[in-house]
Amino acid sequence: MKFVWSTSGGSDEAFLETIPTATTATDLETLHVVYDAFQPSLLAEGGLKDAAAPWLERVADLVEANKKTLETVHLDIPFVPQITSQAVAFTFFASKASAAHLTRLLNTLLFNMNAYGGHDRKAFVCGIPLNHFQITSVMTV
């Protein structure tokens, strides 16, 4: 299943309506969520607003409810990579209300995709395997 923000009606509320609830979507094998509402160069000014919290929560619920059947998850939410001498940090920008839900979603993906299938299951954020994210932070805007 693939869900794209820009083709759903152009608002977080409309995007929420396109994503099924955990009880209506069973046995998902692939989930692809594309949030293309803002440009990466404007992340610090933009980021995920309060209205994104409900759909972030719904996606986290979908991942949790289908943790045994999901094989691949693609989460395309822009971030800013910061390269240091030790690692690459991936910084996401979200409002205070959305930050907790985004953090839960990222943690749910990391845990469930590793715990229920190991190497057979993959989670990607903007095309990068989630297990390559050594340091991840969610900055509130």
N, C-alpha and C. Protein backbone atom coordinates (compact mmCIF):
# COMPACT_ATOMS: atom_id res chain seq x y z
N MET A 1 0.84 -1.17 0.00
CA MET A 1 0.00 0.00 0.00
C MET A 1 0.89 1.24 0.00
N LYS A 2 0.51 2.21 -0.82
CA LYS A 2 1.27 3.44 -0.91
C LYS A 2 0.34 4.62 -0.68
N PHE A 3 0.81 5.57 0.15
CA PHE A 3 0.05 6.76 0.48
C PHE A 3 0.93 7.98 0.25
N VAL A 4 0.45 8.93 -0.56
CA VAL A 4 1.23 10.11 -0.92
C VAL A 4 0.45 11.36 -0.51
N TRP A 5 1.09 12.19 0.32
CA TRP A 5 0.44 13.38 0.86
C TRP A 5 -0.07 14.30 -0.25
N SER A 6 0.75 14.60 -1.25
CA SER A 6 0.38 15.59 -2.27
C SER A 6 -0.78 15.15 -3.16
N THR A 7 -1.04 13.86 -3.24
CA THR A 7 -2.16 13.39 -4.07
C THR A 7 -3.39 13.04 -3.24
N SER A 8 -3.34 13.33 -1.95
CA SER A 8 -4.45 12.96 -1.08
C SER A 8 -5.42 14.10 -0.81
N GLY A 9 -5.12 15.28 -1.31
CA GLY A 9 -6.00 16.41 -1.07
C GLY A 9 -5.26 17.62 -0.54
N GLY A 10 -3.98 17.49 -0.29
CA GLY A 10 -3.18 18.63 0.09
C GLY A 10 -3.30 19.12 1.51
N SER A 11 -3.74 18.27 2.42
CA SER A 11 -3.76 18.64 3.83
C SER A 11 -3.48 17.40 4.67
N ASP A 12 -3.03 17.63 5.90
CA ASP A 12 -2.76 16.50 6.79
C ASP A 12 -4.06 15.77 7.14
N GLU A 13 -5.16 16.50 7.24
CA GLU A 13 -6.45 15.88 7.55
C GLU A 13 -6.90 14.96 6.42
N ALA A 14 -6.74 15.41 5.16
CA ALA A 14 -7.10 14.58 4.02
C ALA A 14 -6.19 13.37 3.92
N PHE A 15 -4.90 13.57 4.23
CA PHE A 15 -3.95 12.47 4.20
C PHE A 15 -4.33 11.40 5.22
N LEU A 16 -4.75 11.83 6.40
CA LEU A 16 -5.19 10.90 7.44
C LEU A 16 -6.32 10.00 6.92
N GLU A 17 -7.24 10.58 6.17
CA GLU A 17 -8.39 9.81 5.67
C GLU A 17 -7.99 8.75 4.65
N THR A 18 -6.84 8.90 3.98
CA THR A 18 -6.42 7.91 2.99
C THR A 18 -5.75 6.70 3.64
N ILE A 19 -5.26 6.88 4.86
CA ILE A 19 -4.53 5.80 5.54
C ILE A 19 -5.50 4.97 6.34
N PRO A 20 -5.56 3.67 6.10
CA PRO A 20 -6.52 2.83 6.83
C PRO A 20 -6.15 2.72 8.31
N THR A 21 -7.14 2.42 9.12
CA THR A 21 -6.87 2.17 10.53
C THR A 21 -6.27 0.78 10.66
N ALA A 22 -5.69 0.52 11.80
CA ALA A 22 -5.05 -0.79 12.02
C ALA A 22 -6.07 -1.92 11.92
N THR A 23 -7.32 -1.66 12.23
CA THR A 23 -8.33 -2.72 12.20
C THR A 23 -8.87 -2.99 10.80
N THR A 24 -8.71 -2.03 9.87
CA THR A 24 -9.22 -2.25 8.51
C THR A 24 -8.14 -2.74 7.56
N ALA A 25 -6.89 -2.64 7.93
CA ALA A 25 -5.79 -3.09 7.07
C ALA A 25 -5.07 -4.24 7.76
N THR A 26 -5.32 -5.43 7.30
CA THR A 26 -4.67 -6.58 7.90
C THR A 26 -3.77 -7.26 6.88
N ASP A 27 -2.78 -7.92 7.40
CA ASP A 27 -1.84 -8.67 6.58
C ASP A 27 -1.12 -7.81 5.53
N LEU A 28 -0.71 -6.63 5.93
CA LEU A 28 0.08 -5.77 5.06
C LEU A 28 1.46 -6.38 4.87
N GLU A 29 1.94 -6.38 3.65
CA GLU A 29 3.30 -6.83 3.39
C GLU A 29 4.21 -5.65 3.09
N THR A 30 3.66 -4.62 2.42
CA THR A 30 4.44 -3.44 2.06
C THR A 30 3.65 -2.20 2.43
N LEU A 31 4.33 -1.24 3.03
CA LEU A 31 3.73 0.04 3.39
C LEU A 31 4.69 1.14 2.94
N HIS A 32 4.16 2.10 2.18
CA HIS A 32 4.98 3.20 1.68
C HIS A 32 4.22 4.49 1.95
N VAL A 33 4.79 5.34 2.80
CA VAL A 33 4.17 6.61 3.17
C VAL A 33 5.08 7.74 2.69
N VAL A 34 4.52 8.63 1.87
CA VAL A 34 5.30 9.73 1.30
C VAL A 34 4.70 11.05 1.77
N TYR A 35 5.47 11.79 2.58
CA TYR A 35 5.07 13.12 3.02
C TYR A 35 5.90 14.12 2.25
N ASP A 36 5.33 14.68 1.19
CA ASP A 36 6.07 15.57 0.29
C ASP A 36 5.51 17.00 0.33
N ALA A 37 5.14 17.45 1.53
CA ALA A 37 4.50 18.76 1.68
C ALA A 37 5.48 19.92 1.70
N PHE A 38 6.75 19.68 1.98
CA PHE A 38 7.70 20.78 2.05
C PHE A 38 9.04 20.37 1.48
N GLN A 39 9.83 21.37 1.14
CA GLN A 39 11.14 21.11 0.55
C GLN A 39 12.19 20.91 1.64
N PRO A 40 13.17 20.03 1.43
CA PRO A 40 14.21 19.82 2.43
C PRO A 40 14.94 21.08 2.85
N SER A 41 15.10 22.04 1.96
CA SER A 41 15.81 23.27 2.32
C SER A 41 15.02 24.12 3.30
N LEU A 42 13.74 23.86 3.43
CA LEU A 42 12.88 24.63 4.32
C LEU A 42 12.49 23.86 5.57
N LEU A 43 13.18 22.77 5.86
CA LEU A 43 12.80 21.94 7.00
C LEU A 43 12.73 22.70 8.32
N ALA A 44 13.72 23.50 8.59
CA ALA A 44 13.75 24.19 9.87
C ALA A 44 12.55 25.11 10.03
N GLU A 45 12.11 25.75 8.94
CA GLU A 45 10.94 26.62 9.02
C GLU A 45 9.65 25.81 8.95
N GLY A 46 9.69 24.68 8.29
CA GLY A 46 8.47 23.90 8.07
C GLY A 46 8.37 22.74 9.02
N GLY A 47 8.75 21.60 8.55
CA GLY A 47 8.64 20.40 9.37
C GLY A 47 7.21 19.93 9.48
N LEU A 48 7.01 18.91 10.27
CA LEU A 48 5.69 18.34 10.48
C LEU A 48 4.93 19.19 11.49
N LYS A 49 3.77 19.66 11.11
CA LYS A 49 2.94 20.51 11.98
C LYS A 49 2.10 19.66 12.92
N ASP A 50 1.37 20.32 13.81
CA ASP A 50 0.50 19.62 14.75
C ASP A 50 -0.49 18.71 14.04
N ALA A 51 -0.97 19.13 12.88
CA ALA A 51 -1.97 18.34 12.15
C ALA A 51 -1.42 17.01 11.65
N ALA A 52 -0.09 16.84 11.64
CA ALA A 52 0.50 15.57 11.20
C ALA A 52 0.44 14.51 12.29
N ALA A 53 0.24 14.91 13.53
CA ALA A 53 0.24 13.95 14.64
C ALA A 53 -0.74 12.79 14.45
N PRO A 54 -2.00 13.03 14.03
CA PRO A 54 -2.93 11.90 13.87
C PRO A 54 -2.50 10.89 12.82
N TRP A 55 -1.99 11.35 11.66
CA TRP A 55 -1.60 10.34 10.66
C TRP A 55 -0.31 9.64 11.03
N LEU A 56 0.60 10.33 11.72
CA LEU A 56 1.81 9.65 12.22
C LEU A 56 1.42 8.54 13.20
N GLU A 57 0.48 8.83 14.07
CA GLU A 57 0.01 7.84 15.04
C GLU A 57 -0.66 6.66 14.32
N ARG A 58 -1.45 6.96 13.29
CA ARG A 58 -2.13 5.89 12.55
C ARG A 58 -1.13 5.00 11.84
N VAL A 59 -0.08 5.58 11.26
CA VAL A 59 0.95 4.78 10.59
C VAL A 59 1.68 3.91 11.61
N ALA A 60 2.00 4.46 12.78
CA ALA A 60 2.64 3.66 13.83
C ALA A 60 1.74 2.52 14.26
N ASP A 61 0.44 2.77 14.38
CA ASP A 61 -0.51 1.71 14.73
C ASP A 61 -0.56 0.63 13.66
N LEU A 62 -0.50 1.04 12.38
CA LEU A 62 -0.50 0.07 11.27
C LEU A 62 0.72 -0.83 11.33
N VAL A 63 1.87 -0.22 11.58
CA VAL A 63 3.10 -1.01 11.68
C VAL A 63 3.01 -1.98 12.83
N GLU A 64 2.55 -1.52 13.97
CA GLU A 64 2.42 -2.38 15.14
C GLU A 64 1.42 -3.52 14.90
N ALA A 65 0.27 -3.21 14.30
CA ALA A 65 -0.76 -4.22 14.07
C ALA A 65 -0.35 -5.25 13.04
N ASN A 66 0.53 -4.87 12.11
CA ASN A 66 0.93 -5.78 11.04
C ASN A 66 2.40 -6.18 11.15
N LYS A 67 2.92 -6.15 12.35
CA LYS A 67 4.35 -6.40 12.56
C LYS A 67 4.81 -7.78 12.11
N LYS A 68 3.92 -8.74 12.08
CA LYS A 68 4.32 -10.09 11.68
C LYS A 68 4.25 -10.31 10.17
N THR A 69 3.50 -9.47 9.46
CA THR A 69 3.36 -9.66 8.01
C THR A 69 4.13 -8.63 7.19
N LEU A 70 4.42 -7.46 7.77
CA LEU A 70 5.15 -6.44 7.02
C LEU A 70 6.54 -6.92 6.64
N GLU A 71 6.86 -6.79 5.37
CA GLU A 71 8.19 -7.16 4.89
C GLU A 71 9.02 -5.92 4.58
N THR A 72 8.34 -4.87 4.07
CA THR A 72 9.05 -3.66 3.69
C THR A 72 8.22 -2.44 4.07
N VAL A 73 8.88 -1.47 4.69
CA VAL A 73 8.24 -0.19 5.00
C VAL A 73 9.13 0.91 4.46
N HIS A 74 8.53 1.81 3.70
CA HIS A 74 9.21 3.00 3.20
C HIS A 74 8.53 4.20 3.82
N LEU A 75 9.28 5.00 4.53
CA LEU A 75 8.77 6.22 5.15
C LEU A 75 9.56 7.38 4.55
N ASP A 76 8.92 8.12 3.67
CA ASP A 76 9.59 9.23 3.01
C ASP A 76 9.16 10.53 3.66
N ILE A 77 9.91 10.90 4.70
CA ILE A 77 9.71 12.15 5.42
C ILE A 77 11.05 12.86 5.40
N PRO A 78 11.12 14.04 4.81
CA PRO A 78 12.41 14.73 4.68
C PRO A 78 13.12 14.95 6.01
N PHE A 79 14.43 14.92 5.94
CA PHE A 79 15.28 15.14 7.10
C PHE A 79 16.54 15.84 6.64
N VAL A 80 17.34 16.27 7.59
CA VAL A 80 18.62 16.90 7.28
C VAL A 80 19.73 16.02 7.82
N PRO A 81 20.61 15.51 6.96
CA PRO A 81 21.76 14.74 7.46
C PRO A 81 22.86 15.68 7.92
N GLN A 82 23.49 15.35 9.02
CA GLN A 82 24.61 16.13 9.53
C GLN A 82 25.77 15.17 9.74
N ILE A 83 26.84 15.40 9.00
CA ILE A 83 27.98 14.49 9.04
C ILE A 83 28.99 15.01 10.06
N THR A 84 29.33 14.13 11.00
CA THR A 84 30.35 14.46 11.99
C THR A 84 31.52 13.52 11.79
N SER A 85 32.55 13.66 12.58
CA SER A 85 33.71 12.77 12.43
C SER A 85 33.39 11.35 12.88
N GLN A 86 32.40 11.18 13.75
CA GLN A 86 32.07 9.84 14.24
C GLN A 86 30.91 9.17 13.50
N ALA A 87 29.93 9.95 13.07
CA ALA A 87 28.73 9.35 12.50
C ALA A 87 27.96 10.38 11.68
N VAL A 88 26.87 9.90 11.10
CA VAL A 88 25.94 10.78 10.41
C VAL A 88 24.69 10.88 11.28
N ALA A 89 24.31 12.11 11.61
CA ALA A 89 23.11 12.33 12.39
C ALA A 89 21.98 12.69 11.44
N PHE A 90 20.81 12.15 11.66
CA PHE A 90 19.65 12.42 10.84
C PHE A 90 18.67 13.21 11.69
N THR A 91 18.40 14.45 11.30
CA THR A 91 17.53 15.32 12.08
C THR A 91 16.22 15.55 11.35
N PHE A 92 15.13 15.22 12.02
CA PHE A 92 13.78 15.47 11.52
C PHE A 92 13.25 16.69 12.25
N PHE A 93 12.37 17.45 11.60
CA PHE A 93 11.78 18.63 12.22
C PHE A 93 10.27 18.43 12.35
N ALA A 94 9.76 18.64 13.55
CA ALA A 94 8.34 18.43 13.81
C ALA A 94 7.90 19.37 14.91
N SER A 95 6.61 19.69 14.91
CA SER A 95 6.05 20.50 15.98
C SER A 95 6.08 19.67 17.27
N LYS A 96 5.82 20.33 18.37
CA LYS A 96 5.83 19.62 19.65
C LYS A 96 4.83 18.47 19.66
N ALA A 97 3.64 18.69 19.11
CA ALA A 97 2.60 17.65 19.09
C ALA A 97 2.99 16.48 18.18
N SER A 98 3.62 16.78 17.04
CA SER A 98 3.98 15.73 16.09
C SER A 98 5.26 15.00 16.46
N ALA A 99 6.15 15.66 17.19
CA ALA A 99 7.46 15.08 17.50
C ALA A 99 7.34 13.75 18.25
N ALA A 100 6.44 13.69 19.23
CA ALA A 100 6.28 12.45 20.00
C ALA A 100 5.78 11.31 19.11
N HIS A 101 4.88 11.61 18.19
CA HIS A 101 4.33 10.58 17.30
C HIS A 101 5.37 10.12 16.28
N LEU A 102 6.17 11.06 15.78
CA LEU A 102 7.23 10.69 14.85
C LEU A 102 8.27 9.82 15.55
N THR A 103 8.63 10.18 16.77
CA THR A 103 9.58 9.38 17.54
C THR A 103 9.04 7.98 17.77
N ARG A 104 7.76 7.88 18.12
CA ARG A 104 7.14 6.56 18.32
C ARG A 104 7.18 5.74 17.03
N LEU A 105 6.86 6.38 15.91
CA LEU A 105 6.86 5.67 14.63
C LEU A 105 8.25 5.16 14.29
N LEU A 106 9.27 6.00 14.42
CA LEU A 106 10.64 5.56 14.13
C LEU A 106 11.07 4.42 15.04
N ASN A 107 10.75 4.52 16.32
CA ASN A 107 11.10 3.45 17.27
C ASN A 107 10.33 2.17 16.98
N THR A 108 9.05 2.30 16.61
CA THR A 108 8.24 1.13 16.27
C THR A 108 8.80 0.43 15.05
N LEU A 109 9.19 1.21 14.05
CA LEU A 109 9.79 0.62 12.85
C LEU A 109 11.09 -0.10 13.19
N LEU A 110 11.95 0.56 13.93
CA LEU A 110 13.23 -0.07 14.30
C LEU A 110 13.03 -1.36 15.05
N PHE A 111 12.19 -1.34 16.05
CA PHE A 111 11.99 -2.53 16.88
C PHE A 111 11.29 -3.64 16.11
N ASN A 112 10.16 -3.33 15.49
CA ASN A 112 9.35 -4.38 14.86
C ASN A 112 10.00 -4.98 13.63
N MET A 113 10.68 -4.16 12.85
CA MET A 113 11.29 -4.71 11.64
C MET A 113 12.49 -5.57 11.98
N ASN A 114 13.14 -5.31 13.09
CA ASN A 114 14.27 -6.15 13.51
C ASN A 114 13.81 -7.37 14.31
N ALA A 115 12.80 -7.20 15.13
CA ALA A 115 12.37 -8.27 16.03
C ALA A 115 11.59 -9.38 15.32
N TYR A 116 10.88 -9.03 14.26
CA TYR A 116 10.00 -10.01 13.62
C TYR A 116 10.48 -10.41 12.24
N GLY A 117 11.70 -10.78 12.09
CA GLY A 117 12.13 -11.28 10.80
C GLY A 117 13.56 -10.96 10.44
N GLY A 118 14.18 -10.13 11.22
CA GLY A 118 15.60 -9.85 11.00
C GLY A 118 15.92 -9.37 9.60
N HIS A 119 16.75 -10.14 8.89
CA HIS A 119 17.27 -9.71 7.60
C HIS A 119 16.23 -9.73 6.49
N ASP A 120 15.14 -10.46 6.66
CA ASP A 120 14.12 -10.54 5.62
C ASP A 120 13.26 -9.28 5.57
N ARG A 121 13.24 -8.51 6.62
CA ARG A 121 12.38 -7.33 6.70
C ARG A 121 13.22 -6.06 6.62
N LYS A 122 12.70 -5.09 5.90
CA LYS A 122 13.45 -3.86 5.67
C LYS A 122 12.57 -2.65 5.95
N ALA A 123 13.16 -1.65 6.58
CA ALA A 123 12.52 -0.35 6.77
C ALA A 123 13.46 0.71 6.21
N PHE A 124 12.90 1.62 5.43
CA PHE A 124 13.68 2.67 4.79
C PHE A 124 13.09 4.03 5.12
N VAL A 125 13.94 5.00 5.31
CA VAL A 125 13.51 6.39 5.44
C VAL A 125 14.19 7.14 4.31
N CYS A 126 13.39 7.66 3.40
CA CYS A 126 13.90 8.37 2.21
C CYS A 126 14.94 7.53 1.47
N GLY A 127 14.70 6.24 1.37
CA GLY A 127 15.57 5.36 0.62
C GLY A 127 16.76 4.81 1.38
N ILE A 128 17.00 5.29 2.58
CA ILE A 128 18.14 4.82 3.39
C ILE A 128 17.64 3.76 4.38
N PRO A 129 18.28 2.60 4.43
CA PRO A 129 17.84 1.60 5.40
C PRO A 129 17.88 2.17 6.83
N LEU A 130 16.79 1.99 7.55
CA LEU A 130 16.66 2.58 8.89
C LEU A 130 17.75 2.09 9.84
N ASN A 131 18.22 0.86 9.65
CA ASN A 131 19.27 0.37 10.55
C ASN A 131 20.62 1.04 10.28
N HIS A 132 20.73 1.89 9.23
CA HIS A 132 21.94 2.66 8.98
C HIS A 132 21.93 3.98 9.73
N PHE A 133 20.78 4.33 10.30
CA PHE A 133 20.66 5.58 11.04
C PHE A 133 21.31 5.37 12.41
N GLN A 134 22.53 5.85 12.56
CA GLN A 134 23.25 5.67 13.82
C GLN A 134 22.75 6.62 14.90
N ILE A 135 22.49 7.85 14.52
CA ILE A 135 22.00 8.85 15.46
C ILE A 135 20.80 9.51 14.80
N THR A 136 19.69 9.54 15.51
CA THR A 136 18.49 10.16 14.96
C THR A 136 17.93 11.12 16.01
N SER A 137 17.54 12.30 15.58
CA SER A 137 16.91 13.23 16.51
C SER A 137 15.71 13.87 15.84
N VAL A 138 14.75 14.23 16.65
CA VAL A 138 13.58 14.94 16.19
C VAL A 138 13.61 16.30 16.87
N MET A 139 13.79 17.35 16.08
CA MET A 139 13.86 18.71 16.59
C MET A 139 12.46 19.33 16.53
N THR A 140 12.07 20.00 17.58
CA THR A 140 10.76 20.66 17.55
C THR A 140 10.90 22.05 16.95
N VAL A 141 9.90 22.42 16.16
CA VAL A 141 9.89 23.73 15.52
C VAL A 141 8.67 24.51 15.96
